[in-house]
PDB file of N, CA and C in Angstrom:
ATOM      1  N   MET A   1     -20.493  19.441-183.549  1.00  0.00           N
ATOM      2  CA  MET A   1     -20.187  18.624-182.380  1.00  0.00           C
ATOM      3  C   MET A   1     -21.256  17.536-182.265  1.00  0.00           C
ATOM      4  N   GLY A   2     -20.837  16.303-182.008  1.00  0.00           N
ATOM      5  CA  GLY A   2     -21.752  15.161-181.915  1.00  0.00           C
ATOM      6  C   GLY A   2     -22.403  15.061-180.556  1.00  0.00           C
ATOM      7  N   GLU A   3     -23.112  13.989-180.401  1.00  0.00           N
ATOM      8  CA  GLU A   3     -23.765  13.757-179.116  1.00  0.00           C
ATOM      9  C   GLU A   3     -23.087  12.601-178.407  1.00  0.00           C
ATOM     10  N   PHE A   4     -23.320  12.480-177.112  1.00  0.00           N
ATOM     11  CA  PHE A   4     -22.802  11.370-176.339  1.00  0.00           C
ATOM     12  C   PHE A   4     -23.691  10.156-176.582  1.00  0.00           C
ATOM     13  N   THR A   5     -23.082   9.037-176.925  1.00  0.00           N
ATOM     14  CA  THR A   5     -23.853   7.827-177.182  1.00  0.00           C
ATOM     15  C   THR A   5     -23.352   6.693-176.298  1.00  0.00           C
ATOM     16  N   PHE A   6     -24.140   5.623-176.215  1.00  0.00           N
ATOM     17  CA  PHE A   6     -23.738   4.460-175.432  1.00  0.00           C
ATOM     18  C   PHE A   6     -24.243   3.202-176.117  1.00  0.00           C
ATOM     19  N   GLN A   7     -23.632   2.082-175.762  1.00  0.00           N
ATOM     20  CA  GLN A   7     -24.103   0.768-176.176  1.00  0.00           C
ATOM     21  C   GLN A   7     -23.721  -0.199-175.069  1.00  0.00           C
ATOM     22  N   GLY A   8     -24.656  -1.073-174.707  1.00  0.00           N
ATOM     23  CA  GLY A   8     -24.350  -2.031-173.656  1.00  0.00           C
ATOM     24  C   GLY A   8     -25.399  -3.110-173.554  1.00  0.00           C
ATOM     25  N   GLN A   9     -25.112  -4.070-172.671  1.00  0.00           N
ATOM     26  CA  GLN A   9     -26.041  -5.172-172.419  1.00  0.00           C
ATOM     27  C   GLN A   9     -26.312  -5.263-170.941  1.00  0.00           C
ATOM     28  N   GLY A  10     -27.518  -5.683-170.615  1.00  0.00           N
ATOM     29  CA  GLY A  10     -27.883  -5.891-169.226  1.00  0.00           C
ATOM     30  C   GLY A  10     -29.099  -6.785-169.134  1.00  0.00           C
ATOM     31  N   THR A  11     -29.333  -7.288-167.937  1.00  0.00           N
ATOM     32  CA  THR A  11     -30.492  -8.135-167.688  1.00  0.00           C
ATOM     33  C   THR A  11     -31.645  -7.265-167.219  1.00  0.00           C
ATOM     34  N   LEU A  12     -32.770  -7.357-167.909  1.00  0.00           N
ATOM     35  CA  LEU A  12     -33.938  -6.555-167.549  1.00  0.00           C
ATOM     36  C   LEU A  12     -34.501  -7.024-166.216  1.00  0.00           C
ATOM     37  N   GLN A  13     -34.601  -6.122-165.262  1.00  0.00           N
ATOM     38  CA  GLN A  13     -35.186  -6.430-163.956  1.00  0.00           C
ATOM     39  C   GLN A  13     -36.681  -6.128-163.936  1.00  0.00           C
ATOM     40  N   ARG A  14     -37.023  -4.942-164.461  1.00  0.00           N
ATOM     41  CA  ARG A  14     -38.436  -4.535-164.508  1.00  0.00           C
ATOM     42  C   ARG A  14     -38.567  -3.344-165.459  1.00  0.00           C
ATOM     43  N   ILE A  15     -39.827  -3.018-165.764  1.00  0.00           N
ATOM     44  CA  ILE A  15     -40.118  -1.833-166.574  1.00  0.00           C
ATOM     45  C   ILE A  15     -41.030  -0.932-165.759  1.00  0.00           C
ATOM     46  N   ASP A  16     -40.584   0.288-165.505  1.00  0.00           N
ATOM     47  CA  ASP A  16     -41.400   1.277-164.798  1.00  0.00           C
ATOM     48  C   ASP A  16     -42.114   2.143-165.830  1.00  0.00           C
ATOM     49  N   THR A  17     -43.372   2.494-165.554  1.00  0.00           N
ATOM     50  CA  THR A  17     -44.154   3.329-166.463  1.00  0.00           C
ATOM     51  C   THR A  17     -44.477   4.650-165.787  1.00  0.00           C
ATOM     52  N   PHE A  18     -44.321   5.729-166.532  1.00  0.00           N
ATOM     53  CA  PHE A  18     -44.607   7.068-166.026  1.00  0.00           C
ATOM     54  C   PHE A  18     -45.382   7.812-167.103  1.00  0.00           C
ATOM     55  N   VAL A  19     -46.396   8.546-166.718  1.00  0.00           N
ATOM     56  CA  VAL A  19     -47.145   9.363-167.679  1.00  0.00           C
ATOM     57  C   VAL A  19     -46.801  10.828-167.404  1.00  0.00           C
ATOM     58  N   SER A  20     -46.297  11.507-168.434  1.00  0.00           N
ATOM     59  CA  SER A  20     -45.883  12.904-168.284  1.00  0.00           C
ATOM     60  C   SER A  20     -47.104  13.809-168.165  1.00  0.00           C
ATOM     61  N   LYS A  21     -46.848  15.073-167.815  1.00  0.00           N
ATOM     62  CA  LYS A  21     -47.938  16.053-167.721  1.00  0.00           C
ATOM     63  C   LYS A  21     -48.648  16.220-169.057  1.00  0.00           C
ATOM     64  N   ALA A  22     -47.910  15.988-170.150  1.00  0.00           N
ATOM     65  CA  ALA A  22     -48.489  16.113-171.489  1.00  0.00           C
ATOM     66  C   ALA A  22     -49.274  14.856-171.884  1.00  0.00           C
ATOM     67  N   GLY A  23     -49.300  13.853-171.002  1.00  0.00           N
ATOM     68  CA  GLY A  23     -50.057  12.639-171.279  1.00  0.00           C
ATOM     69  C   GLY A  23     -49.292  11.588-172.061  1.00  0.00           C
ATOM     70  N   LYS A  24     -47.983  11.788-172.251  1.00  0.00           N
ATOM     71  CA  LYS A  24     -47.176  10.811-172.972  1.00  0.00           C
ATOM     72  C   LYS A  24     -46.639   9.762-172.006  1.00  0.00           C
ATOM     73  N   THR A  25     -46.674   8.505-172.445  1.00  0.00           N
ATOM     74  CA  THR A  25     -46.153   7.420-171.616  1.00  0.00           C
ATOM     75  C   THR A  25     -44.648   7.310-171.811  1.00  0.00           C
ATOM     76  N   ILE A  26     -43.924   7.270-170.706  1.00  0.00           N
ATOM     77  CA  ILE A  26     -42.480   7.107-170.724  1.00  0.00           C
ATOM     78  C   ILE A  26     -42.174   5.809-169.991  1.00  0.00           C
ATOM     79  N   LEU A  27     -41.477   4.901-170.652  1.00  0.00           N
ATOM     80  CA  LEU A  27     -41.072   3.659-170.018  1.00  0.00           C
ATOM     81  C   LEU A  27     -39.626   3.790-169.567  1.00  0.00           C
ATOM     82  N   THR A  28     -39.321   3.239-168.409  1.00  0.00           N
ATOM     83  CA  THR A  28     -37.945   3.187-167.938  1.00  0.00           C
ATOM     84  C   THR A  28     -37.583   1.730-167.728  1.00  0.00           C
ATOM     85  N   LEU A  29     -36.621   1.253-168.518  1.00  0.00           N
ATOM     86  CA  LEU A  29     -36.121  -0.102-168.357  1.00  0.00           C
ATOM     87  C   LEU A  29     -35.097  -0.094-167.238  1.00  0.00           C
ATOM     88  N   ILE A  30     -35.285  -0.943-166.249  1.00  0.00           N
ATOM     89  CA  ILE A  30     -34.306  -1.075-165.169  1.00  0.00           C
ATOM     90  C   ILE A  30     -33.480  -2.320-165.494  1.00  0.00           C
ATOM     91  N   CYS A  31     -32.246  -2.086-165.954  1.00  0.00           N
ATOM     92  CA  CYS A  31     -31.366  -3.175-166.370  1.00  0.00           C
ATOM     93  C   CYS A  31     -30.215  -3.311-165.383  1.00  0.00           C
ATOM     94  N   GLU A  32     -29.809  -4.556-165.144  1.00  0.00           N
ATOM     95  CA  GLU A  32     -28.680  -4.822-164.250  1.00  0.00           C
ATOM     96  C   GLU A  32     -27.475  -5.242-165.081  1.00  0.00           C
ATOM     97  N   THR A  33     -26.341  -4.595-164.840  1.00  0.00           N
ATOM     98  CA  THR A  33     -25.112  -4.952-165.530  1.00  0.00           C
ATOM     99  C   THR A  33     -24.475  -6.147-164.826  1.00  0.00           C
ATOM    100  N   GLN A  34     -23.569  -6.805-165.526  1.00  0.00           N
ATOM    101  CA  GLN A  34     -22.848  -7.940-164.960  1.00  0.00           C
ATOM    102  C   GLN A  34     -21.512  -7.466-164.422  1.00  0.00           C
ATOM    103  N   GLY A  35     -20.761  -8.376-163.826  1.00  0.00           N
ATOM    104  CA  GLY A  35     -19.432  -8.041-163.341  1.00  0.00           C
ATOM    105  C   GLY A  35     -19.354  -8.110-161.831  1.00  0.00           C
ATOM    106  N   GLN A  36     -18.197  -7.721-161.317  1.00  0.00           N
ATOM    107  CA  GLN A  36     -17.952  -7.800-159.884  1.00  0.00           C
ATOM    108  C   GLN A  36     -18.857  -6.844-159.101  1.00  0.00           C
ATOM    109  N   TYR A  37     -19.153  -5.702-159.682  1.00  0.00           N
ATOM    110  CA  TYR A  37     -20.000  -4.711-159.021  1.00  0.00           C
ATOM    111  C   TYR A  37     -21.200  -4.391-159.913  1.00  0.00           C
ATOM    112  N   PRO A  38     -22.225  -5.257-159.920  1.00  0.00           N
ATOM    113  CA  PRO A  38     -23.393  -5.006-160.774  1.00  0.00           C
ATOM    114  C   PRO A  38     -24.058  -3.678-160.429  1.00  0.00           C
ATOM    115  N   GLN A  39     -24.556  -3.019-161.461  1.00  0.00           N
ATOM    116  CA  GLN A  39     -25.238  -1.738-161.308  1.00  0.00           C
ATOM    117  C   GLN A  39     -26.640  -1.837-161.884  1.00  0.00           C
ATOM    118  N   LEU A  40     -27.576  -1.095-161.310  1.00  0.00           N
ATOM    119  CA  LEU A  40     -28.900  -0.958-161.903  1.00  0.00           C
ATOM    120  C   LEU A  40     -28.885   0.328-162.713  1.00  0.00           C
ATOM    121  N   VAL A  41     -29.250   0.222-164.000  1.00  0.00           N
ATOM    122  CA  VAL A  41     -29.194   1.358-164.904  1.00  0.00           C
ATOM    123  C   VAL A  41     -30.598   1.655-165.421  1.00  0.00           C
ATOM    124  N   PRO A  42     -31.107   2.883-165.188  1.00  0.00           N
ATOM    125  CA  PRO A  42     -32.426   3.251-165.722  1.00  0.00           C
ATOM    126  C   PRO A  42     -32.298   3.813-167.133  1.00  0.00           C
ATOM    127  N   ILE A  43     -32.982   3.180-168.089  1.00  0.00           N
ATOM    128  CA  ILE A  43     -32.907   3.611-169.486  1.00  0.00           C
ATOM    129  C   ILE A  43     -34.309   3.970-169.957  1.00  0.00           C
ATOM    130  N   LYS A  44     -34.494   5.212-170.403  1.00  0.00           N
ATOM    131  CA  LYS A  44     -35.814   5.666-170.847  1.00  0.00           C
ATOM    132  C   LYS A  44     -36.090   5.236-172.283  1.00  0.00           C
ATOM    133  N   VAL A  45     -37.362   4.905-172.537  1.00  0.00           N
ATOM    134  CA  VAL A  45     -37.791   4.486-173.875  1.00  0.00           C
ATOM    135  C   VAL A  45     -39.034   5.296-174.231  1.00  0.00           C
ATOM    136  N   PHE A  46     -39.019   5.906-175.428  1.00  0.00           N
ATOM    137  CA  PHE A  46     -40.128   6.751-175.877  1.00  0.00           C
ATOM    138  C   PHE A  46     -40.707   6.247-177.189  1.00  0.00           C
ATOM    139  N   GLY A  47     -41.875   6.770-177.546  1.00  0.00           N
ATOM    140  CA  GLY A  47     -42.443   6.648-178.881  1.00  0.00           C
ATOM    141  C   GLY A  47     -42.631   5.242-179.388  1.00  0.00           C
ATOM    142  N   ARG A  48     -42.282   5.056-180.668  1.00  0.00           N
ATOM    143  CA  ARG A  48     -42.499   3.764-181.326  1.00  0.00           C
ATOM    144  C   ARG A  48     -41.703   2.651-180.678  1.00  0.00           C
ATOM    145  N   LEU A  49     -40.524   2.968-180.177  1.00  0.00           N
ATOM    146  CA  LEU A  49     -39.710   1.943-179.521  1.00  0.00           C
ATOM    147  C   LEU A  49     -40.438   1.397-178.294  1.00  0.00           C
ATOM    148  N   ALA A  50     -41.148   2.254-177.581  1.00  0.00           N
ATOM    149  CA  ALA A  50     -41.884   1.835-176.379  1.00  0.00           C
ATOM    150  C   ALA A  50     -42.999   0.847-176.718  1.00  0.00           C
ATOM    151  N   GLU A  51     -43.489   0.891-177.961  1.00  0.00           N
ATOM    152  CA  GLU A  51     -44.552  -0.023-178.371  1.00  0.00           C
ATOM    153  C   GLU A  51     -44.067  -1.472-178.435  1.00  0.00           C
ATOM    154  N   GLN A  52     -42.751  -1.684-178.454  1.00  0.00           N
ATOM    155  CA  GLN A  52     -42.184  -3.030-178.499  1.00  0.00           C
ATOM    156  C   GLN A  52     -42.001  -3.635-177.113  1.00  0.00           C
ATOM    157  N   ALA A  53     -42.362  -2.905-176.073  1.00  0.00           N
ATOM    158  CA  ALA A  53     -42.066  -3.318-174.701  1.00  0.00           C
ATOM    159  C   ALA A  53     -42.648  -4.679-174.327  1.00  0.00           C
ATOM    160  N   SER A  54     -43.736  -5.087-174.965  1.00  0.00           N
ATOM    161  CA  SER A  54     -44.338  -6.378-174.619  1.00  0.00           C
ATOM    162  C   SER A  54     -43.394  -7.537-174.934  1.00  0.00           C
ATOM    163  N   ALA A  55     -42.401  -7.316-175.788  1.00  0.00           N
ATOM    164  CA  ALA A  55     -41.435  -8.365-176.131  1.00  0.00           C
ATOM    165  C   ALA A  55     -40.302  -8.456-175.112  1.00  0.00           C
ATOM    166  N   TRP A  56     -40.227  -7.496-174.211  1.00  0.00           N
ATOM    167  CA  TRP A  56     -39.133  -7.455-173.243  1.00  0.00           C
ATOM    168  C   TRP A  56     -39.615  -7.992-171.908  1.00  0.00           C
ATOM    169  N   LYS A  57     -39.117  -9.154-171.506  1.00  0.00           N
ATOM    170  CA  LYS A  57     -39.547  -9.813-170.277  1.00  0.00           C
ATOM    171  C   LYS A  57     -38.453  -9.720-169.214  1.00  0.00           C
ATOM    172  N   PRO A  58     -38.841  -9.564-167.947  1.00  0.00           N
ATOM    173  CA  PRO A  58     -37.836  -9.592-166.877  1.00  0.00           C
ATOM    174  C   PRO A  58     -37.012 -10.873-166.949  1.00  0.00           C
ATOM    175  N   GLY A  59     -35.712 -10.728-166.773  1.00  0.00           N
ATOM    176  CA  GLY A  59     -34.797 -11.847-166.856  1.00  0.00           C
ATOM    177  C   GLY A  59     -34.134 -11.956-168.218  1.00  0.00           C
ATOM    178  N   SER A  60     -34.695 -11.277-169.239  1.00  0.00           N
ATOM    179  CA  SER A  60     -34.093 -11.292-170.575  1.00  0.00           C
ATOM    180  C   SER A  60     -32.851 -10.409-170.598  1.00  0.00           C
ATOM    181  N   VAL A  61     -31.881 -10.805-171.416  1.00  0.00           N
ATOM    182  CA  VAL A  61     -30.710  -9.964-171.631  1.00  0.00           C
ATOM    183  C   VAL A  61     -30.997  -9.085-172.837  1.00  0.00           C
ATOM    184  N   LEU A  62     -30.866  -7.773-172.641  1.00  0.00           N
ATOM    185  CA  LEU A  62     -31.134  -6.808-173.696  1.00  0.00           C
ATOM    186  C   LEU A  62     -29.853  -6.121-174.121  1.00  0.00           C
ATOM    187  N   SER A  63     -29.730  -5.879-175.424  1.00  0.00           N
ATOM    188  CA  SER A  63     -28.656  -5.063-175.962  1.00  0.00           C
ATOM    189  C   SER A  63     -29.284  -3.716-176.303  1.00  0.00           C
ATOM    190  N   VAL A  64     -28.770  -2.658-175.697  1.00  0.00           N
ATOM    191  CA  VAL A  64     -29.379  -1.340-175.842  1.00  0.00           C
ATOM    192  C   VAL A  64     -28.338  -0.350-176.336  1.00  0.00           C
ATOM    193  N   SER A  65     -28.733   0.467-177.304  1.00  0.00           N
ATOM    194  CA  SER A  65     -27.884   1.587-177.702  1.00  0.00           C
ATOM    195  C   SER A  65     -28.737   2.841-177.657  1.00  0.00           C
ATOM    196  N   GLY A  66     -28.074   3.968-177.459  1.00  0.00           N
ATOM    197  CA  GLY A  66     -28.837   5.203-177.358  1.00  0.00           C
ATOM    198  C   GLY A  66     -27.949   6.396-177.129  1.00  0.00           C
ATOM    199  N   ARG A  67     -28.542   7.394-176.511  1.00  0.00           N
ATOM    200  CA  ARG A  67     -27.815   8.647-176.299  1.00  0.00           C
ATOM    201  C   ARG A  67     -27.894   9.058-174.827  1.00  0.00           C
ATOM    202  N   LEU A  68     -26.882   9.769-174.434  1.00  0.00           N
ATOM    203  CA  LEU A  68     -26.829  10.326-173.083  1.00  0.00           C
ATOM    204  C   LEU A  68     -27.171  11.803-173.180  1.00  0.00           C
ATOM    205  N   GLY A  69     -27.986  12.258-172.260  1.00  0.00           N
ATOM    206  CA  GLY A  69     -28.366  13.662-172.266  1.00  0.00           C
ATOM    207  C   GLY A  69     -28.575  14.140-170.844  1.00  0.00           C
ATOM    208  N   GLY A  70     -29.126  15.320-170.735  1.00  0.00           N
ATOM    209  CA  GLY A  70     -29.391  15.870-169.421  1.00  0.00           C
ATOM    210  C   GLY A  70     -30.134  17.182-169.547  1.00  0.00           C
ATOM    211  N   ARG A  71     -30.617  17.641-168.422  1.00  0.00           N
ATOM    212  CA  ARG A  71     -31.334  18.915-168.423  1.00  0.00           C
ATOM    213  C   ARG A  71     -31.037  19.647-167.120  1.00  0.00           C
ATOM    214  N   ASP A  72     -31.071  20.944-167.225  1.00  0.00           N
ATOM    215  CA  ASP A  72     -30.809  21.815-166.085  1.00  0.00           C
ATOM    216  C   ASP A  72     -32.145  22.253-165.505  1.00  0.00           C
ATOM    217  N   TRP A  73     -32.335  22.035-164.228  1.00  0.00           N
ATOM    218  CA  TRP A  73     -33.570  22.456-163.574  1.00  0.00           C
ATOM    219  C   TRP A  73     -33.218  23.059-162.235  1.00  0.00           C
ATOM    220  N   GLN A  74     -33.503  24.329-162.080  1.00  0.00           N
ATOM    221  CA  GLN A  74     -33.236  25.092-160.862  1.00  0.00           C
ATOM    222  C   GLN A  74     -31.789  24.952-160.402  1.00  0.00           C
ATOM    223  N   GLY A  75     -30.882  25.051-161.382  1.00  0.00           N
ATOM    224  CA  GLY A  75     -29.457  25.053-161.058  1.00  0.00           C
ATOM    225  C   GLY A  75     -28.836  23.682-160.885  1.00  0.00           C
ATOM    226  N   LYS A  76     -29.604  22.616-161.012  1.00  0.00           N
ATOM    227  CA  LYS A  76     -29.057  21.262-160.917  1.00  0.00           C
ATOM    228  C   LYS A  76     -29.219  20.578-162.271  1.00  0.00           C
ATOM    229  N   VAL A  77     -28.239  19.763-162.630  1.00  0.00           N
ATOM    230  CA  VAL A  77     -28.295  19.046-163.901  1.00  0.00           C
ATOM    231  C   VAL A  77     -28.663  17.594-163.626  1.00  0.00           C
ATOM    232  N   TYR A  78     -29.678  17.117-164.331  1.00  0.00           N
ATOM    233  CA  TYR A  78     -30.161  15.745-164.184  1.00  0.00           C
ATOM    234  C   TYR A  78     -29.854  14.978-165.461  1.00  0.00           C
ATOM    235  N   GLY A  79     -29.247  13.811-165.316  1.00  0.00           N
ATOM    236  CA  GLY A  79     -28.863  13.003-166.471  1.00  0.00           C
ATOM    237  C   GLY A  79     -30.022  12.207-167.033  1.00  0.00           C
ATOM    238  N   ASP A  80     -29.945  11.940-168.330  1.00  0.00           N
ATOM    239  CA  ASP A  80     -30.921  11.112-169.022  1.00  0.00           C
ATOM    240  C   ASP A  80     -30.174  10.069-169.842  1.00  0.00           C
ATOM    241  N   ILE A  81     -30.640   8.838-169.790  1.00  0.00           N
ATOM    242  CA  ILE A  81     -30.134   7.766-170.640  1.00  0.00           C
ATOM    243  C   ILE A  81     -31.339   7.344-171.478  1.00  0.00           C
ATOM    244  N   VAL A  82     -31.288   7.579-172.790  1.00  0.00           N
ATOM    245  CA  VAL A  82     -32.440   7.348-173.663  1.00  0.00           C
ATOM    246  C   VAL A  82     -32.071   6.322-174.731  1.00  0.00           C
ATOM    247  N   ALA A  83     -32.881   5.275-174.853  1.00  0.00           N
ATOM    248  CA  ALA A  83     -32.619   4.216-175.827  1.00  0.00           C
ATOM    249  C   ALA A  83     -33.035   4.644-177.228  1.00  0.00           C
ATOM    250  N   ASN A  84     -32.197   4.292-178.216  1.00  0.00           N
ATOM    251  CA  ASN A  84     -32.558   4.425-179.628  1.00  0.00           C
ATOM    252  C   ASN A  84     -32.957   3.062-180.186  1.00  0.00           C
ATOM    253  N   THR A  85     -32.269   1.998-179.735  1.00  0.00           N
ATOM    254  CA  THR A  85     -32.595   0.633-180.152  1.00  0.00           C
ATOM    255  C   THR A  85     -32.535  -0.293-178.942  1.00  0.00           C
ATOM    256  N   VAL A  86     -33.404  -1.307-178.951  1.00  0.00           N
ATOM    257  CA  VAL A  86     -33.397  -2.345-177.917  1.00  0.00           C
ATOM    258  C   VAL A  86     -33.566  -3.678-178.631  1.00  0.00           C
ATOM    259  N   GLU A  87     -32.642  -4.604-178.390  1.00  0.00           N
ATOM    260  CA  GLU A  87     -32.733  -5.935-178.979  1.00  0.00           C
ATOM    261  C   GLU A  87     -32.641  -6.979-177.884  1.00  0.00           C
ATOM    262  N   VAL A  88     -33.444  -8.037-178.002  1.00  0.00           N
ATOM    263  CA  VAL A  88     -33.394  -9.137-177.044  1.00  0.00           C
ATOM    264  C   VAL A  88     -32.260 -10.063-177.465  1.00  0.00           C
ATOM    265  N   VAL A  89     -31.253 -10.205-176.593  1.00  0.00           N
ATOM    266  CA  VAL A  89     -30.120 -11.085-176.859  1.00  0.00           C
ATOM    267  C   VAL A  89     -30.486 -12.515-176.468  1.00  0.00           C
ATOM    268  N   SER A  90     -31.100 -12.675-175.293  1.00  0.00           N
ATOM    269  CA  SER A  90     -31.569 -13.995-174.867  1.00  0.00           C
ATOM    270  C   SER A  90     -32.810 -13.824-174.015  1.00  0.00           C
ATOM    271  N   GLU A  91     -33.763 -14.719-174.245  1.00  0.00           N
ATOM    272  CA  GLU A  91     -35.011 -14.691-173.484  1.00  0.00           C
ATOM    273  C   GLU A  91     -34.719 -15.151-172.070  1.00  0.00           C
ATOM    274  N   GLY A  92     -35.485 -14.661-171.142  1.00  0.00           N
ATOM    275  CA  GLY A  92     -35.321 -15.100-169.766  1.00  0.00           C
ATOM    276  C   GLY A  92     -36.658 -15.111-169.076  1.00  0.00           C
ATOM    277  N   THR A  93     -36.680 -15.812-167.963  1.00  0.00           N
ATOM    278  CA  THR A  93     -37.871 -15.792-167.116  1.00  0.00           C
ATOM    279  C   THR A  93     -37.409 -15.445-165.725  1.00  0.00           C
ATOM    280  N   LYS A  94     -38.198 -14.695-165.038  1.00  0.00           N
ATOM    281  CA  LYS A  94     -37.814 -14.237-163.706  1.00  0.00           C
ATOM    282  C   LYS A  94     -37.698 -15.397-162.722  1.00  0.00           C
ATOM    283  N   ASP A  95     -38.461 -16.490-162.974  1.00  0.00           N
ATOM    284  CA  ASP A  95     -38.453 -17.597-162.018  1.00  0.00           C
ATOM    285  C   ASP A  95     -37.396 -18.643-162.339  1.00  0.00           C
ATOM    286  N   GLY A  96     -36.510 -18.355-163.273  1.00  0.00           N
ATOM    287  CA  GLY A  96     -35.464 -19.324-163.592  1.00  0.00           C
ATOM    288  C   GLY A  96     -36.023 -20.419-164.472  1.00  0.00           C
ATOM    289  N   GLY A  97     -35.691 -21.651-164.167  1.00  0.00           N
ATOM    290  CA  GLY A  97     -36.215 -22.773-164.912  1.00  0.00           C
ATOM    291  C   GLY A  97     -35.370 -23.155-166.106  1.00  0.00           C
ATOM    292  N   GLY A  98     -34.376 -22.357-166.451  1.00  0.00           N
ATOM    293  CA  GLY A  98     -33.503 -22.693-167.561  1.00  0.00           C
ATOM    294  C   GLY A  98     -32.439 -23.674-167.117  1.00  0.00           C
ATOM    295  N   PRO A  99     -31.581 -24.103-168.048  1.00  0.00           N
ATOM    296  CA  PRO A  99     -30.543 -25.062-167.683  1.00  0.00           C
ATOM    297  C   PRO A  99     -29.525 -24.483-166.710  1.00  0.00           C
ATOM    298  N   ASP A 100     -29.380 -23.174-166.670  1.00  0.00           N
ATOM    299  CA  ASP A 100     -28.408 -22.556-165.777  1.00  0.00           C
ATOM    300  C   ASP A 100     -29.122 -21.789-164.678  1.00  0.00           C
ATOM    301  N   ASP A 101     -29.980 -22.481-163.929  1.00  0.00           N
ATOM    302  CA  ASP A 101     -30.764 -21.791-162.911  1.00  0.00           C
ATOM    303  C   ASP A 101     -30.202 -21.982-161.509  1.00  0.00           C
ATOM    304  N   GLY A 102     -28.928 -22.351-161.418  1.00  0.00           N
ATOM    305  CA  GLY A 102     -28.300 -22.470-160.112  1.00  0.00           C
ATOM    306  C   GLY A 102     -28.457 -23.840-159.478  1.00  0.00           C
ATOM    307  N   GLU A 103     -29.188 -24.737-160.104  1.00  0.00           N
ATOM    308  CA  GLU A 103     -29.374 -26.075-159.561  1.00  0.00           C
ATOM    309  C   GLU A 103     -28.129 -26.906-159.837  1.00  0.00           C
ATOM    310  N   PRO A 104     -27.689 -27.729-158.873  1.00  0.00           N
ATOM    311  CA  PRO A 104     -26.550 -28.605-159.163  1.00  0.00           C
ATOM    312  C   PRO A 104     -26.983 -29.703-160.123  1.00  0.00           C
ATOM    313  N   PRO A 105     -26.058 -30.291-160.880  1.00  0.00           N
ATOM    314  CA  PRO A 105     -26.425 -31.383-161.771  1.00  0.00           C
ATOM    315  C   PRO A 105     -26.965 -32.569-160.968  1.00  0.00           C
ATOM    316  N   HIS A 106     -27.838 -33.337-161.593  1.00  0.00           N
ATOM    317  CA  HIS A 106     -28.393 -34.502-160.911  1.00  0.00           C
ATOM    318  C   HIS A 106     -27.339 -35.593-160.768  1.00  0.00           C
ATOM    319  N   ASN A 107     -27.526 -36.478-159.811  1.00  0.00           N
ATOM    320  CA  ASN A 107     -26.633 -37.628-159.583  1.00  0.00           C
ATOM    321  C   ASN A 107     -25.202 -37.196-159.290  1.00  0.00           C
ATOM    322  N   THR A 108     -25.009 -36.183-158.494  1.00  0.00           N
ATOM    323  CA  THR A 108     -23.656 -35.696-158.197  1.00  0.00           C
ATOM    324  C   THR A 108     -22.918 -36.629-157.255  1.00  0.00           C
ATOM    325  N   ASP A 109     -23.637 -37.595-156.623  1.00  0.00           N
ATOM    326  CA  ASP A 109     -22.951 -38.495-155.686  1.00  0.00           C
ATOM    327  C   ASP A 109     -22.370 -39.711-156.396  1.00  0.00           C
ATOM    328  N   GLU A 110     -22.591 -39.817-157.717  1.00  0.00           N
ATOM    329  CA  GLU A 110     -22.026 -40.946-158.441  1.00  0.00           C
ATOM    330  C   GLU A 110     -20.599 -40.632-158.877  1.00  0.00           C
ATOM    331  N   VAL A 111     -19.795 -41.689-158.942  1.00  0.00           N
ATOM    332  CA  VAL A 111     -18.412 -41.538-159.369  1.00  0.00           C
ATOM    333  C   VAL A 111     -18.390 -41.413-160.905  1.00  0.00           C
ATOM    334  N   PRO A 112     -17.606 -40.473-161.455  1.00  0.00           N
ATOM    335  CA  PRO A 112     -17.651 -40.230-162.895  1.00  0.00           C
ATOM    336  C   PRO A 112     -16.970 -41.295-163.746  1.00  0.00           C
ATOM    337  N   PHE A 113     -16.543 -42.447-163.169  1.00  0.00           N
ATOM    338  CA  PHE A 113     -15.932 -43.497-164.011  1.00  0.00           C
ATOM    339  C   PHE A 113     -16.463 -44.869-163.706  1.00  0.00           C
TER     340      PHE A 113
END
């Protein structure tokens, strides 16, 4: 029997850092999906993949694939979304500044002919 896997894209909002009791650093990418009802999705990153985190900037669109898992603790099951690969689809900056930053085009009061 295989494992549950996922693949998707989202805009990185922030990276949360957590240090486990064993002293291992766990990064959680908080990505926002697009669409009519955007969702914030927490994706955990471990090991060597976590060492690439400096390349991931808030506002960047990331393509992430990985596995879905979970664990049972005191009778409750908690889900885990763990990345196997993370690729930067497009660079972004949190402060905008790109050509599509919501600003209207200049000279909009001129007639187009």
